[in-house]
Amino acid sequence: MRYGEKQWTSANNKELFGVNLHRFVEMEGHANHMEIAHEFGISLGEVKMLKKKLNRA
């Protein structure tokens, strides 16, 4: 089966928004939203979306 570029990237890269999810979970316990956004270079909205996605999984 042929993969499109997005499918190949998501299958080979286990990051969402360019964020390592294991590191995100570690920081989630002791850092606030602003610190997490600054550490990963993402917006506050993206931090909130990542938290929602992790709670669903």
PDB file of N, CA and C in Angstrom:
ATOM      1  N   MET A   1       0.835  -1.174   0.000  1.00  0.00           N
ATOM      2  CA  MET A   1       0.000   0.000   0.000  1.00  0.00           C
ATOM      3  C   MET A   1       0.883   1.242   0.000  1.00  0.00           C
ATOM      4  N   ARG A   2       0.543   2.203  -0.808  1.00  0.00           N
ATOM      5  CA  ARG A   2       1.325   3.427  -0.877  1.00  0.00           C
ATOM      6  C   ARG A   2       0.900   4.398   0.208  1.00  0.00           C
ATOM      7  N   TYR A   3       1.878   5.034   0.783  1.00  0.00           N
ATOM      8  CA  TYR A   3       1.619   6.052   1.786  1.00  0.00           C
ATOM      9  C   TYR A   3       1.730   7.432   1.165  1.00  0.00           C
ATOM     10  N   GLY A   4       0.877   8.316   1.594  1.00  0.00           N
ATOM     11  CA  GLY A   4       1.045   9.713   1.254  1.00  0.00           C
ATOM     12  C   GLY A   4       2.100  10.295   2.177  1.00  0.00           C
ATOM     13  N   GLU A   5       2.556  11.468   1.874  1.00  0.00           N
ATOM     14  CA  GLU A   5       3.610  12.078   2.688  1.00  0.00           C
ATOM     15  C   GLU A   5       3.173  12.270   4.139  1.00  0.00           C
ATOM     16  N   LYS A   6       1.939  12.707   4.357  1.00  0.00           N
ATOM     17  CA  LYS A   6       1.459  12.918   5.723  1.00  0.00           C
ATOM     18  C   LYS A   6       1.347  11.602   6.477  1.00  0.00           C
ATOM     19  N   GLN A   7       0.878  10.559   5.819  1.00  0.00           N
ATOM     20  CA  GLN A   7       0.775   9.258   6.475  1.00  0.00           C
ATOM     21  C   GLN A   7       2.152   8.727   6.828  1.00  0.00           C
ATOM     22  N   TRP A   8       3.117   8.867   5.919  1.00  0.00           N
ATOM     23  CA  TRP A   8       4.464   8.386   6.169  1.00  0.00           C
ATOM     24  C   TRP A   8       5.088   9.136   7.338  1.00  0.00           C
ATOM     25  N   THR A   9       4.896  10.458   7.358  1.00  0.00           N
ATOM     26  CA  THR A   9       5.456  11.272   8.425  1.00  0.00           C
ATOM     27  C   THR A   9       4.846  10.891   9.769  1.00  0.00           C
ATOM     28  N   SER A  10       3.542  10.711   9.821  1.00  0.00           N
ATOM     29  CA  SER A  10       2.902  10.381  11.092  1.00  0.00           C
ATOM     30  C   SER A  10       3.252   8.968  11.548  1.00  0.00           C
ATOM     31  N   ALA A  11       3.478   8.065  10.619  1.00  0.00           N
ATOM     32  CA  ALA A  11       3.851   6.697  10.985  1.00  0.00           C
ATOM     33  C   ALA A  11       5.289   6.624  11.489  1.00  0.00           C
ATOM     34  N   ASN A  12       6.163   7.442  10.944  1.00  0.00           N
ATOM     35  CA  ASN A  12       7.572   7.391  11.310  1.00  0.00           C
ATOM     36  C   ASN A  12       7.955   8.390  12.383  1.00  0.00           C
ATOM     37  N   ASN A  13       7.172   9.397  12.574  1.00  0.00           N
ATOM     38  CA  ASN A  13       7.475  10.430  13.544  1.00  0.00           C
ATOM     39  C   ASN A  13       6.390  10.407  14.607  1.00  0.00           C
ATOM     40  N   LYS A  14       6.719  10.000  15.782  1.00  0.00           N
ATOM     41  CA  LYS A  14       5.729   9.836  16.842  1.00  0.00           C
ATOM     42  C   LYS A  14       5.504  11.127  17.627  1.00  0.00           C
ATOM     43  N   GLU A  15       5.655  12.247  16.975  1.00  0.00           N
ATOM     44  CA  GLU A  15       5.448  13.518  17.627  1.00  0.00           C
ATOM     45  C   GLU A  15       4.207  14.198  17.062  1.00  0.00           C
ATOM     46  N   LEU A  16       3.584  15.001  17.879  1.00  0.00           N
ATOM     47  CA  LEU A  16       2.405  15.755  17.479  1.00  0.00           C
ATOM     48  C   LEU A  16       2.732  17.224  17.679  1.00  0.00           C
ATOM     49  N   PHE A  17       2.541  18.049  16.673  1.00  0.00           N
ATOM     50  CA  PHE A  17       2.941  19.455  16.689  1.00  0.00           C
ATOM     51  C   PHE A  17       4.444  19.592  16.886  1.00  0.00           C
ATOM     52  N   GLY A  18       5.216  18.554  16.535  1.00  0.00           N
ATOM     53  CA  GLY A  18       6.664  18.605  16.713  1.00  0.00           C
ATOM     54  C   GLY A  18       7.092  18.441  18.161  1.00  0.00           C
ATOM     55  N   VAL A  19       6.213  17.898  19.001  1.00  0.00           N
ATOM     56  CA  VAL A  19       6.484  17.753  20.432  1.00  0.00           C
ATOM     57  C   VAL A  19       6.613  16.281  20.775  1.00  0.00           C
ATOM     58  N   ASN A  20       7.659  15.942  21.495  1.00  0.00           N
ATOM     59  CA  ASN A  20       7.831  14.586  21.994  1.00  0.00           C
ATOM     60  C   ASN A  20       6.808  14.368  23.113  1.00  0.00           C
ATOM     61  N   LEU A  21       5.866  13.480  22.895  1.00  0.00           N
ATOM     62  CA  LEU A  21       4.761  13.314  23.850  1.00  0.00           C
ATOM     63  C   LEU A  21       5.212  12.782  25.202  1.00  0.00           C
ATOM     64  N   HIS A  22       6.273  11.982  25.240  1.00  0.00           N
ATOM     65  CA  HIS A  22       6.775  11.485  26.518  1.00  0.00           C
ATOM     66  C   HIS A  22       7.304  12.645  27.360  1.00  0.00           C
ATOM     67  N   ARG A  23       8.025  13.535  26.722  1.00  0.00           N
ATOM     68  CA  ARG A  23       8.555  14.715  27.426  1.00  0.00           C
ATOM     69  C   ARG A  23       7.403  15.622  27.855  1.00  0.00           C
ATOM     70  N   PHE A  24       6.376  15.741  27.013  1.00  0.00           N
ATOM     71  CA  PHE A  24       5.212  16.565  27.333  1.00  0.00           C
ATOM     72  C   PHE A  24       4.526  16.039  28.591  1.00  0.00           C
ATOM     73  N   VAL A  25       4.341  14.733  28.684  1.00  0.00           N
ATOM     74  CA  VAL A  25       3.678  14.139  29.849  1.00  0.00           C
ATOM     75  C   VAL A  25       4.506  14.368  31.111  1.00  0.00           C
ATOM     76  N   GLU A  26       5.827  14.275  30.989  1.00  0.00           N
ATOM     77  CA  GLU A  26       6.690  14.534  32.147  1.00  0.00           C
ATOM     78  C   GLU A  26       6.524  15.967  32.638  1.00  0.00           C
ATOM     79  N   MET A  27       6.512  16.915  31.717  1.00  0.00           N
ATOM     80  CA  MET A  27       6.400  18.320  32.100  1.00  0.00           C
ATOM     81  C   MET A  27       5.008  18.686  32.581  1.00  0.00           C
ATOM     82  N   GLU A  28       4.008  17.980  32.092  1.00  0.00           N
ATOM     83  CA  GLU A  28       2.616  18.297  32.416  1.00  0.00           C
ATOM     84  C   GLU A  28       2.366  18.245  33.925  1.00  0.00           C
ATOM     85  N   GLY A  29       3.051  17.353  34.614  1.00  0.00           N
ATOM     86  CA  GLY A  29       2.829  17.190  36.047  1.00  0.00           C
ATOM     87  C   GLY A  29       3.344  18.332  36.898  1.00  0.00           C
ATOM     88  N   HIS A  30       4.369  19.040  36.447  1.00  0.00           N
ATOM     89  CA  HIS A  30       4.969  20.051  37.317  1.00  0.00           C
ATOM     90  C   HIS A  30       5.102  21.440  36.696  1.00  0.00           C
ATOM     91  N   ALA A  31       4.647  21.622  35.460  1.00  0.00           N
ATOM     92  CA  ALA A  31       4.760  22.925  34.811  1.00  0.00           C
ATOM     93  C   ALA A  31       3.382  23.425  34.384  1.00  0.00           C
ATOM     94  N   ASN A  32       3.234  24.747  34.345  1.00  0.00           N
ATOM     95  CA  ASN A  32       1.952  25.297  33.902  1.00  0.00           C
ATOM     96  C   ASN A  32       1.938  25.402  32.374  1.00  0.00           C
ATOM     97  N   HIS A  33       0.791  25.800  31.827  1.00  0.00           N
ATOM     98  CA  HIS A  33       0.621  25.865  30.373  1.00  0.00           C
ATOM     99  C   HIS A  33       1.653  26.781  29.710  1.00  0.00           C
ATOM    100  N   MET A  34       1.907  27.922  30.332  1.00  0.00           N
ATOM    101  CA  MET A  34       2.836  28.890  29.750  1.00  0.00           C
ATOM    102  C   MET A  34       4.254  28.320  29.687  1.00  0.00           C
ATOM    103  N   GLU A  35       4.689  27.650  30.740  1.00  0.00           N
ATOM    104  CA  GLU A  35       6.031  27.063  30.756  1.00  0.00           C
ATOM    105  C   GLU A  35       6.170  25.962  29.705  1.00  0.00           C
ATOM    106  N   ILE A  36       5.128  25.153  29.559  1.00  0.00           N
ATOM    107  CA  ILE A  36       5.154  24.078  28.556  1.00  0.00           C
ATOM    108  C   ILE A  36       5.216  24.669  27.152  1.00  0.00           C
ATOM    109  N   ALA A  37       4.406  25.686  26.885  1.00  0.00           N
ATOM    110  CA  ALA A  37       4.396  26.322  25.569  1.00  0.00           C
ATOM    111  C   ALA A  37       5.761  26.926  25.257  1.00  0.00           C
ATOM    112  N   HIS A  38       6.367  27.561  26.232  1.00  0.00           N
ATOM    113  CA  HIS A  38       7.678  28.174  26.021  1.00  0.00           C
ATOM    114  C   HIS A  38       8.741  27.101  25.788  1.00  0.00           C
ATOM    115  N   GLU A  39       8.713  26.041  26.551  1.00  0.00           N
ATOM    116  CA  GLU A  39       9.706  24.967  26.431  1.00  0.00           C
ATOM    117  C   GLU A  39       9.680  24.311  25.051  1.00  0.00           C
ATOM    118  N   PHE A  40       8.482  24.050  24.529  1.00  0.00           N
ATOM    119  CA  PHE A  40       8.354  23.353  23.257  1.00  0.00           C
ATOM    120  C   PHE A  40       8.213  24.284  22.059  1.00  0.00           C
ATOM    121  N   GLY A  41       8.060  25.580  22.306  1.00  0.00           N
ATOM    122  CA  GLY A  41       7.933  26.528  21.211  1.00  0.00           C
ATOM    123  C   GLY A  41       6.605  26.422  20.480  1.00  0.00           C
ATOM    124  N   ILE A  42       5.537  26.146  21.223  1.00  0.00           N
ATOM    125  CA  ILE A  42       4.199  26.046  20.645  1.00  0.00           C
ATOM    126  C   ILE A  42       3.289  27.050  21.345  1.00  0.00           C
ATOM    127  N   SER A  43       2.095  27.238  20.811  1.00  0.00           N
ATOM    128  CA  SER A  43       1.157  28.196  21.393  1.00  0.00           C
ATOM    129  C   SER A  43       0.402  27.567  22.563  1.00  0.00           C
ATOM    130  N   LEU A  44      -0.243  28.422  23.341  1.00  0.00           N
ATOM    131  CA  LEU A  44      -1.053  27.930  24.460  1.00  0.00           C
ATOM    132  C   LEU A  44      -2.209  27.070  23.967  1.00  0.00           C
ATOM    133  N   GLY A  45      -2.797  27.443  22.838  1.00  0.00           N
ATOM    134  CA  GLY A  45      -3.889  26.659  22.256  1.00  0.00           C
ATOM    135  C   GLY A  45      -3.433  25.255  21.900  1.00  0.00           C
ATOM    136  N   GLU A  46      -2.222  25.139  21.370  1.00  0.00           N
ATOM    137  CA  GLU A  46      -1.692  23.817  21.024  1.00  0.00           C
ATOM    138  C   GLU A  46      -1.431  22.982  22.270  1.00  0.00           C
ATOM    139  N   VAL A  47      -1.006  23.623  23.353  1.00  0.00           N
ATOM    140  CA  VAL A  47      -0.819  22.902  24.622  1.00  0.00           C
ATOM    141  C   VAL A  47      -2.150  22.338  25.088  1.00  0.00           C
ATOM    142  N   LYS A  48      -3.202  23.145  25.018  1.00  0.00           N
ATOM    143  CA  LYS A  48      -4.525  22.692  25.441  1.00  0.00           C
ATOM    144  C   LYS A  48      -5.031  21.552  24.563  1.00  0.00           C
ATOM    145  N   MET A  49      -4.777  21.640  23.239  1.00  0.00           N
ATOM    146  CA  MET A  49      -5.201  20.567  22.333  1.00  0.00           C
ATOM    147  C   MET A  49      -4.446  19.280  22.631  1.00  0.00           C
ATOM    148  N   LEU A  50      -3.152  19.369  22.932  1.00  0.00           N
ATOM    149  CA  LEU A  50      -2.374  18.180  23.271  1.00  0.00           C
ATOM    150  C   LEU A  50      -2.903  17.526  24.539  1.00  0.00           C
ATOM    151  N   LYS A  51      -3.233  18.344  25.539  1.00  0.00           N
ATOM    152  CA  LYS A  51      -3.793  17.794  26.781  1.00  0.00           C
ATOM    153  C   LYS A  51      -5.112  17.077  26.524  1.00  0.00           C
ATOM    154  N   LYS A  52      -5.971  17.651  25.670  1.00  0.00           N
ATOM    155  CA  LYS A  52      -7.236  17.013  25.337  1.00  0.00           C
ATOM    156  C   LYS A  52      -6.993  15.675  24.638  1.00  0.00           C
ATOM    157  N   LYS A  53      -6.071  15.653  23.681  1.00  0.00           N
ATOM    158  CA  LYS A  53      -5.768  14.434  22.949  1.00  0.00           C
ATOM    159  C   LYS A  53      -5.216  13.350  23.860  1.00  0.00           C
ATOM    160  N   LEU A  54      -4.378  13.738  24.826  1.00  0.00           N
ATOM    161  CA  LEU A  54      -3.825  12.760  25.757  1.00  0.00           C
ATOM    162  C   LEU A  54      -4.899  12.204  26.691  1.00  0.00           C
ATOM    163  N   ASN A  55      -5.850  13.043  27.087  1.00  0.00           N
ATOM    164  CA  ASN A  55      -6.927  12.573  27.962  1.00  0.00           C
ATOM    165  C   ASN A  55      -7.854  11.611  27.242  1.00  0.00           C
ATOM    166  N   ARG A  56      -7.995  11.756  25.919  1.00  0.00           N
ATOM    167  CA  ARG A  56      -8.855  10.864  25.142  1.00  0.00           C
ATOM    168  C   ARG A  56      -8.214   9.513  24.903  1.00  0.00           C
ATOM    169  N   ALA A  57      -6.899   9.501  24.858  1.00  0.00           N
ATOM    170  CA  ALA A  57      -6.177   8.251  24.509  1.00  0.00           C
ATOM    171  C   ALA A  57      -6.127   7.266  25.642  1.00  0.00           C
TER     172      ALA A  57
END
